[in-house]
């Protein structure tokens, strides 16, 4: 399996299938990230394609190891631009990406109801904390990015990311406790 850097270099050398591979590899995650901002699947899909158009048509120079953060940085810029135009600032919703069932695992109706209720409460609590905390929590925990990658996407330094995560987790914990969810329930 090729790395993102290898695929991007192959694409720059004229291999169109390498660009397709990059879209397949990152398209769903990028769409989920955009949908978390916009809460509109169609807009998220459109912006995802726009982001790949920026990268695959304009062919910017991207440092090795920075393809994914660069792509998400473009997505963040585009989402913020659209957000300023059409979307209220307080909407940030997290899809069921934090905990998915294992493939082939049978989920009982009771467990499904409990999972849906927990996710609904988590969304409500996330919507009550500061937007910058939500975004950092989403990038690091929802998208499984490293601090360095989250810093690349947001333009914040490592220390700022660390502080935002610390305060974001504390705010989220307080909101969850208001809903009766303790550390043991998480």
C-alpha atoms as a PDB file:
ATOM      1  CA  UNK A   1       0.000   0.000   0.000  1.00  0.00           C
ATOM      2  CA  UNK A   2       1.351   3.381  -0.988  1.00  0.00           C
ATOM      3  CA  UNK A   3       1.586   6.306   1.428  1.00  0.00           C
ATOM      4  CA  UNK A   4      -0.258   9.551   0.761  1.00  0.00           C
ATOM      5  CA  UNK A   5       3.013  11.157  -0.288  1.00  0.00           C
ATOM      6  CA  UNK A   6       3.783   8.394  -2.787  1.00  0.00           C
ATOM      7  CA  UNK A   7       0.288   8.557  -4.257  1.00  0.00           C
ATOM      8  CA  UNK A   8       0.425  12.342  -4.542  1.00  0.00           C
ATOM      9  CA  UNK A   9       3.822  12.212  -6.258  1.00  0.00           C
ATOM     10  CA  UNK A  10       2.483   9.542  -8.640  1.00  0.00           C
ATOM     11  CA  UNK A  11      -0.496  11.776  -9.376  1.00  0.00           C
ATOM     12  CA  UNK A  12       1.792  14.727 -10.061  1.00  0.00           C
ATOM     13  CA  UNK A  13       3.710  12.460 -12.464  1.00  0.00           C
ATOM     14  CA  UNK A  14       0.518  11.854 -14.454  1.00  0.00           C
ATOM     15  CA  UNK A  15      -1.021   8.754 -12.816  1.00  0.00           C
ATOM     16  CA  UNK A  16      -4.736   9.673 -12.560  1.00  0.00           C
ATOM     17  CA  UNK A  17      -5.510   6.494 -10.612  1.00  0.00           C
ATOM     18  CA  UNK A  18      -3.288   7.744  -7.756  1.00  0.00           C
ATOM     19  CA  UNK A  19      -5.605  10.757  -7.380  1.00  0.00           C
ATOM     20  CA  UNK A  20      -8.593   8.408  -7.311  1.00  0.00           C
ATOM     21  CA  UNK A  21      -6.865   6.366  -4.607  1.00  0.00           C
ATOM     22  CA  UNK A  22      -6.348   9.491  -2.517  1.00  0.00           C
ATOM     23  CA  UNK A  23     -10.029  10.395  -2.892  1.00  0.00           C
ATOM     24  CA  UNK A  24     -11.089   6.890  -1.878  1.00  0.00           C
ATOM     25  CA  UNK A  25      -8.730   6.923   1.083  1.00  0.00           C
ATOM     26  CA  UNK A  26      -9.739  10.316   2.502  1.00  0.00           C
ATOM     27  CA  UNK A  27     -13.108  11.164   0.925  1.00  0.00           C
ATOM     28  CA  UNK A  28     -15.371   9.650   3.576  1.00  0.00           C
ATOM     29  CA  UNK A  29     -13.419  11.055   6.523  1.00  0.00           C
ATOM     30  CA  UNK A  30     -13.269  14.484   4.898  1.00  0.00           C
ATOM     31  CA  UNK A  31     -17.016  14.405   4.196  1.00  0.00           C
ATOM     32  CA  UNK A  32     -17.711  13.445   7.827  1.00  0.00           C
ATOM     33  CA  UNK A  33     -15.497  16.296   9.025  1.00  0.00           C
ATOM     34  CA  UNK A  34     -17.269  18.791   6.767  1.00  0.00           C
ATOM     35  CA  UNK A  35     -20.681  17.437   7.712  1.00  0.00           C
ATOM     36  CA  UNK A  36     -19.804  17.984  11.360  1.00  0.00           C
ATOM     37  CA  UNK A  37     -19.344  21.672  10.582  1.00  0.00           C
ATOM     38  CA  UNK A  38     -22.223  22.153   8.192  1.00  0.00           C
ATOM     39  CA  UNK A  39     -24.764  19.592   9.347  1.00  0.00           C
ATOM     40  CA  UNK A  40     -25.716  19.150   5.716  1.00  0.00           C
ATOM     41  CA  UNK A  41     -24.594  15.999   3.914  1.00  0.00           C
ATOM     42  CA  UNK A  42     -25.016  17.445   0.418  1.00  0.00           C
ATOM     43  CA  UNK A  43     -22.973  20.559   1.205  1.00  0.00           C
ATOM     44  CA  UNK A  44     -20.331  18.378   2.862  1.00  0.00           C
ATOM     45  CA  UNK A  45     -20.055  16.151  -0.218  1.00  0.00           C
ATOM     46  CA  UNK A  46     -19.863  19.166  -2.523  1.00  0.00           C
ATOM     47  CA  UNK A  47     -17.145  20.777  -0.429  1.00  0.00           C
ATOM     48  CA  UNK A  48     -15.242  17.482  -0.238  1.00  0.00           C
ATOM     49  CA  UNK A  49     -15.097  17.431  -4.033  1.00  0.00           C
ATOM     50  CA  UNK A  50     -14.055  21.101  -4.035  1.00  0.00           C
ATOM     51  CA  UNK A  51     -11.226  20.306  -1.626  1.00  0.00           C
ATOM     52  CA  UNK A  52      -9.913  17.538  -3.848  1.00  0.00           C
ATOM     53  CA  UNK A  53     -10.278  19.853  -6.830  1.00  0.00           C
ATOM     54  CA  UNK A  54      -8.018  22.367  -5.091  1.00  0.00           C
ATOM     55  CA  UNK A  55      -5.409  19.702  -4.431  1.00  0.00           C
ATOM     56  CA  UNK A  56      -5.662  17.668  -7.628  1.00  0.00           C
ATOM     57  CA  UNK A  57      -6.231  20.487 -10.112  1.00  0.00           C
ATOM     58  CA  UNK A  58      -4.034  23.212  -8.663  1.00  0.00           C
ATOM     59  CA  UNK A  59      -1.342  20.668  -7.651  1.00  0.00           C
ATOM     60  CA  UNK A  60       0.184  22.672  -4.800  1.00  0.00           C
ATOM     61  CA  UNK A  61       3.534  21.747  -3.329  1.00  0.00           C
ATOM     62  CA  UNK A  62       2.784  19.746  -0.193  1.00  0.00           C
ATOM     63  CA  UNK A  63       5.545  18.756   2.183  1.00  0.00           C
ATOM     64  CA  UNK A  64       6.070  15.047   2.750  1.00  0.00           C
ATOM     65  CA  UNK A  65       3.881  13.752   5.549  1.00  0.00           C
ATOM     66  CA  UNK A  66       1.536  16.749   5.296  1.00  0.00           C
ATOM     67  CA  UNK A  67      -0.980  15.640   2.653  1.00  0.00           C
ATOM     68  CA  UNK A  68      -3.813  14.792   5.065  1.00  0.00           C
ATOM     69  CA  UNK A  69      -3.405  17.917   7.240  1.00  0.00           C
ATOM     70  CA  UNK A  70      -3.208  20.068   4.086  1.00  0.00           C
ATOM     71  CA  UNK A  71      -6.415  18.515   2.738  1.00  0.00           C
ATOM     72  CA  UNK A  72      -8.232  19.082   6.035  1.00  0.00           C
ATOM     73  CA  UNK A  73      -6.904  22.639   6.214  1.00  0.00           C
ATOM     74  CA  UNK A  74      -8.421  23.330   2.790  1.00  0.00           C
ATOM     75  CA  UNK A  75     -11.673  21.750   4.025  1.00  0.00           C
ATOM     76  CA  UNK A  76     -11.665  23.882   7.146  1.00  0.00           C
ATOM     77  CA  UNK A  77     -11.178  27.043   5.088  1.00  0.00           C
ATOM     78  CA  UNK A  78     -13.980  26.124   2.686  1.00  0.00           C
ATOM     79  CA  UNK A  79     -16.363  25.134   5.496  1.00  0.00           C
ATOM     80  CA  UNK A  80     -15.678  28.374   7.364  1.00  0.00           C
ATOM     81  CA  UNK A  81     -16.309  30.353   4.205  1.00  0.00           C
ATOM     82  CA  UNK A  82     -19.630  28.612   3.576  1.00  0.00           C
ATOM     83  CA  UNK A  83     -20.438  28.766   7.260  1.00  0.00           C
ATOM     84  CA  UNK A  84     -20.091  32.543   7.291  1.00  0.00           C
ATOM     85  CA  UNK A  85     -22.432  32.788   4.357  1.00  0.00           C
ATOM     86  CA  UNK A  86     -25.197  30.295   5.125  1.00  0.00           C
ATOM     87  CA  UNK A  87     -24.929  28.465   8.458  1.00  0.00           C
ATOM     88  CA  UNK A  88     -25.486  29.549  12.046  1.00  0.00           C
ATOM     89  CA  UNK A  89     -22.264  29.502  14.109  1.00  0.00           C
ATOM     90  CA  UNK A  90     -23.600  27.335  16.935  1.00  0.00           C
ATOM     91  CA  UNK A  91     -24.292  24.198  14.950  1.00  0.00           C
ATOM     92  CA  UNK A  92     -21.632  21.532  15.118  1.00  0.00           C
ATOM     93  CA  UNK A  93     -22.868  17.997  15.151  1.00  0.00           C
ATOM     94  CA  UNK A  94     -20.917  14.835  15.526  1.00  0.00           C
ATOM     95  CA  UNK A  95     -22.106  11.809  13.610  1.00  0.00           C
ATOM     96  CA  UNK A  96     -21.898   8.299  15.042  1.00  0.00           C
ATOM     97  CA  UNK A  97     -18.216   8.044  14.158  1.00  0.00           C
ATOM     98  CA  UNK A  98     -16.874   7.792  17.683  1.00  0.00           C
ATOM     99  CA  UNK A  99     -18.134   4.251  18.269  1.00  0.00           C
ATOM    100  CA  UNK A 100     -19.221   2.022  15.456  1.00  0.00           C
ATOM    101  CA  UNK A 101     -19.997  -1.632  15.881  1.00  0.00           C
ATOM    102  CA  UNK A 102     -17.499  -4.150  14.695  1.00  0.00           C
ATOM    103  CA  UNK A 103     -18.379  -5.653  11.308  1.00  0.00           C
ATOM    104  CA  UNK A 104     -20.568  -8.686  11.734  1.00  0.00           C
ATOM    105  CA  UNK A 105     -21.327  -7.874  15.365  1.00  0.00           C
ATOM    106  CA  UNK A 106     -24.944  -8.389  16.335  1.00  0.00           C
ATOM    107  CA  UNK A 107     -26.345  -5.381  18.140  1.00  0.00           C
ATOM    108  CA  UNK A 108     -29.349  -5.902  20.343  1.00  0.00           C
ATOM    109  CA  UNK A 109     -32.212  -3.420  20.041  1.00  0.00           C
ATOM    110  CA  UNK A 110     -31.665  -2.388  23.670  1.00  0.00           C
ATOM    111  CA  UNK A 111     -27.982  -1.666  23.075  1.00  0.00           C
ATOM    112  CA  UNK A 112     -28.811   0.240  19.894  1.00  0.00           C
ATOM    113  CA  UNK A 113     -31.308   2.426  21.760  1.00  0.00           C
ATOM    114  CA  UNK A 114     -28.766   3.066  24.538  1.00  0.00           C
ATOM    115  CA  UNK A 115     -26.049   3.894  22.009  1.00  0.00           C
ATOM    116  CA  UNK A 116     -28.355   6.278  20.116  1.00  0.00           C
ATOM    117  CA  UNK A 117     -29.408   7.986  23.334  1.00  0.00           C
ATOM    118  CA  UNK A 118     -25.797   8.357  24.483  1.00  0.00           C
ATOM    119  CA  UNK A 119     -24.822   9.804  21.085  1.00  0.00           C
ATOM    120  CA  UNK A 120     -27.779  12.239  21.215  1.00  0.00           C
ATOM    121  CA  UNK A 121     -26.710  13.444  24.657  1.00  0.00           C
ATOM    122  CA  UNK A 122     -23.093  13.709  23.486  1.00  0.00           C
ATOM    123  CA  UNK A 123     -24.194  15.857  20.542  1.00  0.00           C
ATOM    124  CA  UNK A 124     -26.226  18.132  22.794  1.00  0.00           C
ATOM    125  CA  UNK A 125     -23.312  18.529  25.184  1.00  0.00           C
ATOM    126  CA  UNK A 126     -20.873  19.207  22.338  1.00  0.00           C
ATOM    127  CA  UNK A 127     -23.199  21.888  20.986  1.00  0.00           C
ATOM    128  CA  UNK A 128     -23.106  23.643  24.362  1.00  0.00           C
ATOM    129  CA  UNK A 129     -19.321  23.990  24.554  1.00  0.00           C
ATOM    130  CA  UNK A 130     -17.219  26.591  22.745  1.00  0.00           C
ATOM    131  CA  UNK A 131     -16.828  26.016  18.979  1.00  0.00           C
ATOM    132  CA  UNK A 132     -13.019  25.960  19.128  1.00  0.00           C
ATOM    133  CA  UNK A 133     -13.158  23.197  21.749  1.00  0.00           C
ATOM    134  CA  UNK A 134     -15.610  21.189  19.647  1.00  0.00           C
ATOM    135  CA  UNK A 135     -13.397  21.407  16.596  1.00  0.00           C
ATOM    136  CA  UNK A 136     -10.242  20.286  18.396  1.00  0.00           C
ATOM    137  CA  UNK A 137     -12.074  17.424  20.123  1.00  0.00           C
ATOM    138  CA  UNK A 138     -13.477  16.376  16.751  1.00  0.00           C
ATOM    139  CA  UNK A 139     -10.097  16.480  14.992  1.00  0.00           C
ATOM    140  CA  UNK A 140      -8.129  14.647  17.674  1.00  0.00           C
ATOM    141  CA  UNK A 141     -10.717  12.129  18.856  1.00  0.00           C
ATOM    142  CA  UNK A 142     -13.278  11.952  16.060  1.00  0.00           C
ATOM    143  CA  UNK A 143     -10.810  12.042  13.156  1.00  0.00           C
ATOM    144  CA  UNK A 144      -7.931  10.408  15.071  1.00  0.00           C
ATOM    145  CA  UNK A 145      -5.442  13.108  14.125  1.00  0.00           C
ATOM    146  CA  UNK A 146      -2.229  13.726  16.010  1.00  0.00           C
ATOM    147  CA  UNK A 147      -1.648  17.038  17.772  1.00  0.00           C
ATOM    148  CA  UNK A 148       0.715  18.026  14.948  1.00  0.00           C
ATOM    149  CA  UNK A 149      -1.903  17.261  12.289  1.00  0.00           C
ATOM    150  CA  UNK A 150      -4.613  19.143  14.202  1.00  0.00           C
ATOM    151  CA  UNK A 151      -2.200  22.068  14.545  1.00  0.00           C
ATOM    152  CA  UNK A 152      -1.587  21.996  10.807  1.00  0.00           C
ATOM    153  CA  UNK A 153      -5.335  22.060  10.094  1.00  0.00           C
ATOM    154  CA  UNK A 154      -6.188  24.841  12.529  1.00  0.00           C
ATOM    155  CA  UNK A 155      -3.007  26.884  12.377  1.00  0.00           C
ATOM    156  CA  UNK A 156      -2.590  26.638  16.165  1.00  0.00           C
ATOM    157  CA  UNK A 157       0.660  25.597  17.811  1.00  0.00           C
ATOM    158  CA  UNK A 158       1.062  22.368  19.786  1.00  0.00           C
ATOM    159  CA  UNK A 159       0.636  24.111  23.149  1.00  0.00           C
ATOM    160  CA  UNK A 160      -2.598  25.791  22.029  1.00  0.00           C
ATOM    161  CA  UNK A 161      -3.945  22.412  20.850  1.00  0.00           C
ATOM    162  CA  UNK A 162      -3.025  20.896  24.210  1.00  0.00           C
ATOM    163  CA  UNK A 163      -4.772  23.725  26.089  1.00  0.00           C
ATOM    164  CA  UNK A 164      -7.879  23.568  23.908  1.00  0.00           C
ATOM    165  CA  UNK A 165      -8.125  19.800  24.411  1.00  0.00           C
ATOM    166  CA  UNK A 166      -7.690  20.134  28.154  1.00  0.00           C
ATOM    167  CA  UNK A 167     -10.338  22.831  28.526  1.00  0.00           C
ATOM    168  CA  UNK A 168     -12.610  21.213  25.937  1.00  0.00           C
ATOM    169  CA  UNK A 169     -12.593  17.883  27.757  1.00  0.00           C
ATOM    170  CA  UNK A 170     -13.304  19.646  31.053  1.00  0.00           C
ATOM    171  CA  UNK A 171     -16.207  21.617  29.571  1.00  0.00           C
ATOM    172  CA  UNK A 172     -17.582  18.497  27.900  1.00  0.00           C
ATOM    173  CA  UNK A 173     -17.238  16.496  31.126  1.00  0.00           C
ATOM    174  CA  UNK A 174     -19.202  19.178  33.030  1.00  0.00           C
ATOM    175  CA  UNK A 175     -21.944  19.204  30.401  1.00  0.00           C
ATOM    176  CA  UNK A 176     -22.139  15.407  30.455  1.00  0.00           C
ATOM    177  CA  UNK A 177     -22.387  15.420  34.260  1.00  0.00           C
ATOM    178  CA  UNK A 178     -25.340  17.827  33.986  1.00  0.00           C
ATOM    179  CA  UNK A 179     -27.015  15.132  31.877  1.00  0.00           C
ATOM    180  CA  UNK A 180     -26.247  12.490  34.511  1.00  0.00           C
ATOM    181  CA  UNK A 181     -23.357  10.865  32.658  1.00  0.00           C
ATOM    182  CA  UNK A 182     -20.327  10.295  34.851  1.00  0.00           C
ATOM    183  CA  UNK A 183     -16.801   9.271  33.954  1.00  0.00           C
ATOM    184  CA  UNK A 184     -17.721   5.634  34.561  1.00  0.00           C
ATOM    185  CA  UNK A 185     -20.534   5.844  31.965  1.00  0.00           C
ATOM    186  CA  UNK A 186     -18.361   7.298  29.188  1.00  0.00           C
END
